[in-house]
Amino acid sequence: MARPLQQFGDFESTMLKLALNTTNNNPAAAGAFSRDVYETLMLLLGVMINTSEHCPSTRRSVDAWQGWDGSPLDKLMDVYLENRESAGTADSVEKTSIAVAHGYLAILLGYLSLGGQVRRRLEEKSQGRGTKYLLDSIQVFMALHQKLDTDELTTSLQNLVNELRQRHRLSG
């Protein structure tokens, strides 16, 4: 996990999938993951979110990827879609940690979906519901942060929601 971002590959992607799937399907397992692993996961997602949010060339680069099946991005979409329903049921500390990681993943996919190819691929994988799912997940995450009074993050996420909605309408 200490490799530079440009060397991020299947190992790191698989690690993210393993962490989310293992802890999401077994809340007791969430506690078994060391705090360091969880913090590394959140750090990676945070860096990818920041890069995707503030660097349009990153979004364009990801949007231009060829050979979607089996790509790290395709795997992240699968993790998101496989866990989107259960991520909203955060009724314990472990489940809240999972919901936060899932929210970060939704935000990352939201920024990447501002590019047409990524959005189309997510729609393909979700029977045309991908953007709606992302909007729902991001808004749930925003509601959690509004309760914690983090105005700057809420404003940034509201801008993402607005732009995703606009692009979804234009493509639909």
Protein backbone atom coordinates (compact mmCIF):
# COMPACT_ATOMS: atom_id res chain seq x y z
CA MET A 1 0.00 0.00 0.00
CA ALA A 2 3.06 2.24 0.13
CA ARG A 3 3.46 2.24 -3.66
CA PRO A 4 2.99 5.48 -5.60
CA LEU A 5 -0.52 6.05 -6.95
CA GLN A 6 0.57 5.45 -10.56
CA GLN A 7 1.59 1.91 -9.53
CA PHE A 8 -1.79 1.19 -7.93
CA GLY A 9 -2.80 -2.16 -9.35
CA ASP A 10 -4.84 -5.28 -8.91
CA PHE A 11 -3.36 -6.04 -5.49
CA GLU A 12 -4.52 -2.75 -3.99
CA SER A 13 -7.88 -2.99 -5.70
CA THR A 14 -8.37 -6.53 -4.45
CA MET A 15 -7.37 -5.40 -0.95
CA LEU A 16 -10.11 -2.76 -1.01
CA LYS A 17 -12.65 -5.33 -2.18
CA LEU A 18 -11.59 -7.83 0.46
CA ALA A 19 -11.76 -5.28 3.26
CA LEU A 20 -15.21 -4.06 2.27
CA ASN A 21 -16.73 -7.47 1.52
CA THR A 22 -15.31 -9.23 4.56
CA THR A 23 -16.33 -6.60 7.06
CA ASN A 24 -19.67 -5.85 5.43
CA ASN A 25 -20.88 -9.44 5.39
CA ASN A 26 -19.67 -10.15 8.91
CA PRO A 27 -19.85 -7.23 11.35
CA ALA A 28 -17.76 -9.12 13.90
CA ALA A 29 -14.97 -9.32 11.33
CA ALA A 30 -14.85 -5.54 11.14
CA GLY A 31 -13.31 -5.49 14.59
CA ALA A 32 -10.76 -8.11 13.55
CA PHE A 33 -9.29 -5.79 10.93
CA SER A 34 -6.60 -3.75 12.54
CA ARG A 35 -7.19 -0.06 12.83
CA ASP A 36 -4.15 0.41 10.59
CA VAL A 37 -5.76 -1.50 7.71
CA TYR A 38 -8.97 0.49 8.03
CA GLU A 39 -7.07 3.77 8.22
CA THR A 40 -5.00 2.78 5.16
CA LEU A 41 -8.19 1.98 3.26
CA MET A 42 -9.68 5.34 4.21
CA LEU A 43 -6.46 7.13 3.32
CA LEU A 44 -6.35 5.51 -0.12
CA LEU A 45 -9.98 6.33 -0.80
CA GLY A 46 -9.45 9.88 0.47
CA VAL A 47 -6.45 10.45 -1.80
CA MET A 48 -8.35 9.06 -4.78
CA ILE A 49 -11.35 11.27 -3.96
CA ASN A 50 -9.20 14.39 -3.65
CA THR A 51 -7.37 13.63 -6.88
CA SER A 52 -10.64 12.95 -8.72
CA GLU A 53 -12.31 16.04 -7.31
CA HIS A 54 -9.52 18.54 -7.94
CA CYS A 55 -7.84 17.16 -11.05
CA PRO A 56 -10.13 16.96 -14.10
CA SER A 57 -7.30 15.35 -16.10
CA THR A 58 -7.44 12.40 -13.68
CA ARG A 59 -11.15 11.97 -14.37
CA ARG A 60 -10.52 12.21 -18.13
CA SER A 61 -7.72 9.66 -17.88
CA VAL A 62 -9.88 7.17 -16.00
CA ASP A 63 -12.78 7.87 -18.35
CA ALA A 64 -10.59 6.91 -21.32
CA TRP A 65 -9.64 3.45 -19.94
CA GLN A 66 -10.23 0.59 -22.33
CA GLY A 67 -11.02 -3.02 -21.48
CA TRP A 68 -13.38 -2.38 -18.57
CA ASP A 69 -14.06 -5.97 -17.56
CA GLY A 70 -11.73 -6.92 -14.74
CA SER A 71 -10.19 -3.46 -14.40
CA PRO A 72 -9.60 -2.09 -10.89
CA LEU A 73 -12.36 0.46 -11.52
CA ASP A 74 -14.74 -2.28 -12.62
CA LYS A 75 -13.95 -4.16 -9.40
CA LEU A 76 -14.61 -1.05 -7.30
CA MET A 77 -17.98 -0.66 -9.04
CA ASP A 78 -18.77 -4.28 -8.21
CA VAL A 79 -17.86 -3.76 -4.53
CA TYR A 80 -20.02 -0.65 -4.41
CA LEU A 81 -23.03 -2.28 -6.07
CA GLU A 82 -22.77 -5.52 -4.07
CA ASN A 83 -22.75 -3.66 -0.76
CA ARG A 84 -24.89 -0.58 -1.36
CA GLU A 85 -28.02 -1.84 0.41
CA SER A 86 -26.36 -3.15 3.55
CA ALA A 87 -24.13 -0.08 3.95
CA GLY A 88 -27.15 1.99 5.01
CA THR A 89 -27.81 -0.09 8.11
CA ALA A 90 -25.18 1.34 10.44
CA ASP A 91 -26.44 0.40 13.89
CA SER A 92 -23.09 -0.34 15.55
CA VAL A 93 -19.57 1.07 15.60
CA GLU A 94 -18.37 -1.63 13.19
CA LYS A 95 -21.23 -1.08 10.77
CA THR A 96 -20.73 2.68 10.96
CA SER A 97 -17.09 2.24 9.97
CA ILE A 98 -18.19 0.12 7.02
CA ALA A 99 -20.84 2.68 6.06
CA VAL A 100 -18.20 5.43 6.08
CA ALA A 101 -15.88 3.38 3.84
CA HIS A 102 -18.80 2.66 1.52
CA GLY A 103 -19.69 6.36 1.50
CA TYR A 104 -16.13 7.23 0.53
CA LEU A 105 -16.32 4.67 -2.29
CA ALA A 106 -19.61 6.21 -3.48
CA ILE A 107 -18.03 9.67 -3.46
CA LEU A 108 -15.03 8.42 -5.46
CA LEU A 109 -17.29 6.75 -8.00
CA GLY A 110 -19.41 9.91 -8.07
CA TYR A 111 -16.47 12.08 -9.08
CA LEU A 112 -15.29 9.50 -11.61
CA SER A 113 -18.85 9.27 -12.98
CA LEU A 114 -18.68 12.92 -13.96
CA GLY A 115 -16.96 11.43 -17.01
CA GLY A 116 -19.40 9.89 -19.47
CA GLN A 117 -17.69 6.51 -19.97
CA VAL A 118 -17.44 5.74 -16.26
CA ARG A 119 -21.07 6.76 -15.73
CA ARG A 120 -22.20 4.61 -18.69
CA ARG A 121 -20.29 1.59 -17.35
CA LEU A 122 -21.85 2.00 -13.91
CA GLU A 123 -25.28 2.26 -15.52
CA GLU A 124 -24.59 -0.95 -17.50
CA LYS A 125 -23.59 -2.81 -14.37
CA SER A 126 -26.69 -1.65 -12.46
CA GLN A 127 -29.52 -1.96 -14.97
CA GLY A 128 -29.59 1.80 -15.46
CA ARG A 129 -29.74 2.69 -11.76
CA GLY A 130 -26.05 3.50 -11.05
CA THR A 131 -26.32 7.27 -10.90
CA LYS A 132 -29.45 7.07 -8.73
CA TYR A 133 -27.67 4.66 -6.38
CA LEU A 134 -24.65 6.99 -6.15
CA LEU A 135 -26.85 10.01 -5.49
CA ASP A 136 -28.70 8.12 -2.74
CA SER A 137 -25.46 6.91 -1.13
CA ILE A 138 -23.81 10.33 -1.26
CA GLN A 139 -26.89 11.99 0.22
CA VAL A 140 -26.98 9.46 3.09
CA PHE A 141 -23.29 10.20 3.69
CA MET A 142 -24.02 13.95 3.59
CA ALA A 143 -26.80 13.55 6.15
CA LEU A 144 -24.39 11.78 8.49
CA HIS A 145 -21.87 14.59 8.13
CA GLN A 146 -24.51 17.31 8.51
CA LYS A 147 -25.25 15.82 11.92
CA LEU A 148 -21.56 16.18 12.72
CA ASP A 149 -21.64 19.78 11.49
CA THR A 150 -18.96 19.58 8.79
CA ASP A 151 -20.18 22.38 6.54
CA GLU A 152 -17.22 22.38 4.13
CA LEU A 153 -17.58 18.68 3.29
CA THR A 154 -21.36 18.96 2.98
CA THR A 155 -21.03 21.88 0.54
CA SER A 156 -18.46 20.00 -1.55
CA LEU A 157 -20.66 16.89 -1.67
CA GLN A 158 -23.75 18.94 -2.54
CA ASN A 159 -21.83 20.35 -5.51
CA LEU A 160 -21.01 16.77 -6.59
CA VAL A 161 -24.67 15.72 -6.25
CA ASN A 162 -25.80 18.72 -8.32
CA GLU A 163 -23.27 18.05 -11.08
CA LEU A 164 -24.06 14.31 -11.19
CA ARG A 165 -27.78 15.05 -11.46
CA GLN A 166 -27.17 17.53 -14.27
CA ARG A 167 -24.99 15.13 -16.26
CA HIS A 168 -27.43 12.28 -15.68
CA ARG A 169 -30.28 14.40 -17.07
CA LEU A 170 -28.22 15.39 -20.10
CA SER A 171 -27.25 11.79 -20.86
CA GLY A 172 -30.66 10.31 -20.19
